[in-house]
Protein backbone atom coordinates (compact mmCIF):
# COMPACT_ATOMS: atom_id res chain seq x y z
CA MET A 1 -4.76 -23.64 -0.11
CA THR A 2 -7.47 -25.97 1.17
CA GLU A 3 -10.01 -27.74 -0.97
CA ARG A 4 -12.67 -25.22 0.04
CA GLU A 5 -10.72 -22.13 -0.97
CA PRO A 6 -11.32 -20.86 -4.48
CA PRO A 7 -8.22 -20.67 -6.73
CA LEU A 8 -6.47 -17.35 -6.60
CA ASN A 9 -7.38 -16.56 -10.20
CA ASP A 10 -11.11 -16.97 -9.44
CA GLU A 11 -10.81 -14.72 -6.37
CA ILE A 12 -8.99 -12.01 -8.41
CA ALA A 13 -11.60 -12.24 -11.11
CA GLN A 14 -14.41 -11.88 -8.60
CA LEU A 15 -12.68 -8.82 -7.13
CA ALA A 16 -12.24 -7.37 -10.53
CA ARG A 17 -15.99 -7.80 -11.20
CA GLU A 18 -16.90 -6.12 -7.92
CA LEU A 19 -14.60 -3.23 -8.69
CA ALA A 20 -16.09 -2.76 -12.14
CA ILE A 21 -19.59 -2.20 -10.59
CA THR A 22 -18.33 0.03 -7.84
CA PRO A 23 -19.35 3.62 -8.37
CA PRO A 24 -16.65 6.16 -8.85
CA ILE A 25 -15.56 8.44 -6.02
CA ASP A 26 -16.97 11.95 -6.33
CA GLU A 27 -13.81 13.87 -5.41
CA ALA A 28 -15.62 17.28 -5.36
CA LYS A 29 -18.11 15.97 -2.79
CA VAL A 30 -15.39 14.54 -0.68
CA ALA A 31 -13.61 17.86 -0.75
CA ARG A 32 -16.90 19.63 0.22
CA VAL A 33 -17.50 17.32 3.18
CA LYS A 34 -13.86 17.66 4.33
CA ALA A 35 -14.17 21.40 4.23
CA ALA A 36 -17.51 21.28 6.18
CA ILE A 37 -15.90 19.08 8.84
CA ALA A 38 -12.86 21.28 9.14
CA SER A 39 -15.07 24.41 9.56
CA GLY A 40 -17.40 22.81 12.01
CA GLN A 41 -20.43 23.14 9.65
CA TYR A 42 -20.84 19.42 9.19
CA ARG A 43 -23.67 18.26 11.46
CA ILE A 44 -23.88 14.57 12.49
CA ASP A 45 -27.14 13.03 13.18
CA PRO A 46 -26.41 10.15 15.68
CA ASP A 47 -29.90 8.72 15.37
CA ALA A 48 -29.61 8.43 11.56
CA ILE A 49 -26.28 6.76 11.99
CA ALA A 50 -27.61 4.31 14.57
CA ASP A 51 -30.54 3.43 12.39
CA ALA A 52 -28.33 2.88 9.36
CA LEU A 53 -26.00 0.63 11.39
CA ILE A 54 -28.96 -1.37 12.61
CA ARG A 55 -30.25 -1.83 9.09
CA TRP A 56 -26.82 -2.74 7.80
CA SER A 57 -26.14 -5.25 10.59
CA GLY A 58 -29.46 -6.92 9.79
CA GLN A 59 -28.32 -7.37 6.18
CA THR A 60 -24.85 -8.73 7.01
CA ALA A 61 -25.66 -10.86 10.02
CA PRO A 62 -25.22 -14.55 9.37
CA SER A 63 -28.41 -16.61 9.22
CA ALA A 64 -29.36 -18.82 12.05
CA PRO A 65 -28.79 -22.57 11.31
């Protein structure tokens, strides 16, 4: 471990905090989406996906120095 790395206990505590605020998985919705995909009824909107990826990448891109 280097001086800049947080102690493992701190990292575990941070992960536990993040997990505590993560919403639960809606198993029924997952099953419905899986069934729709399997039956060919699930429609994908490539434009919406591209827009979401662009928005997401803008939020996660590192700031310029």
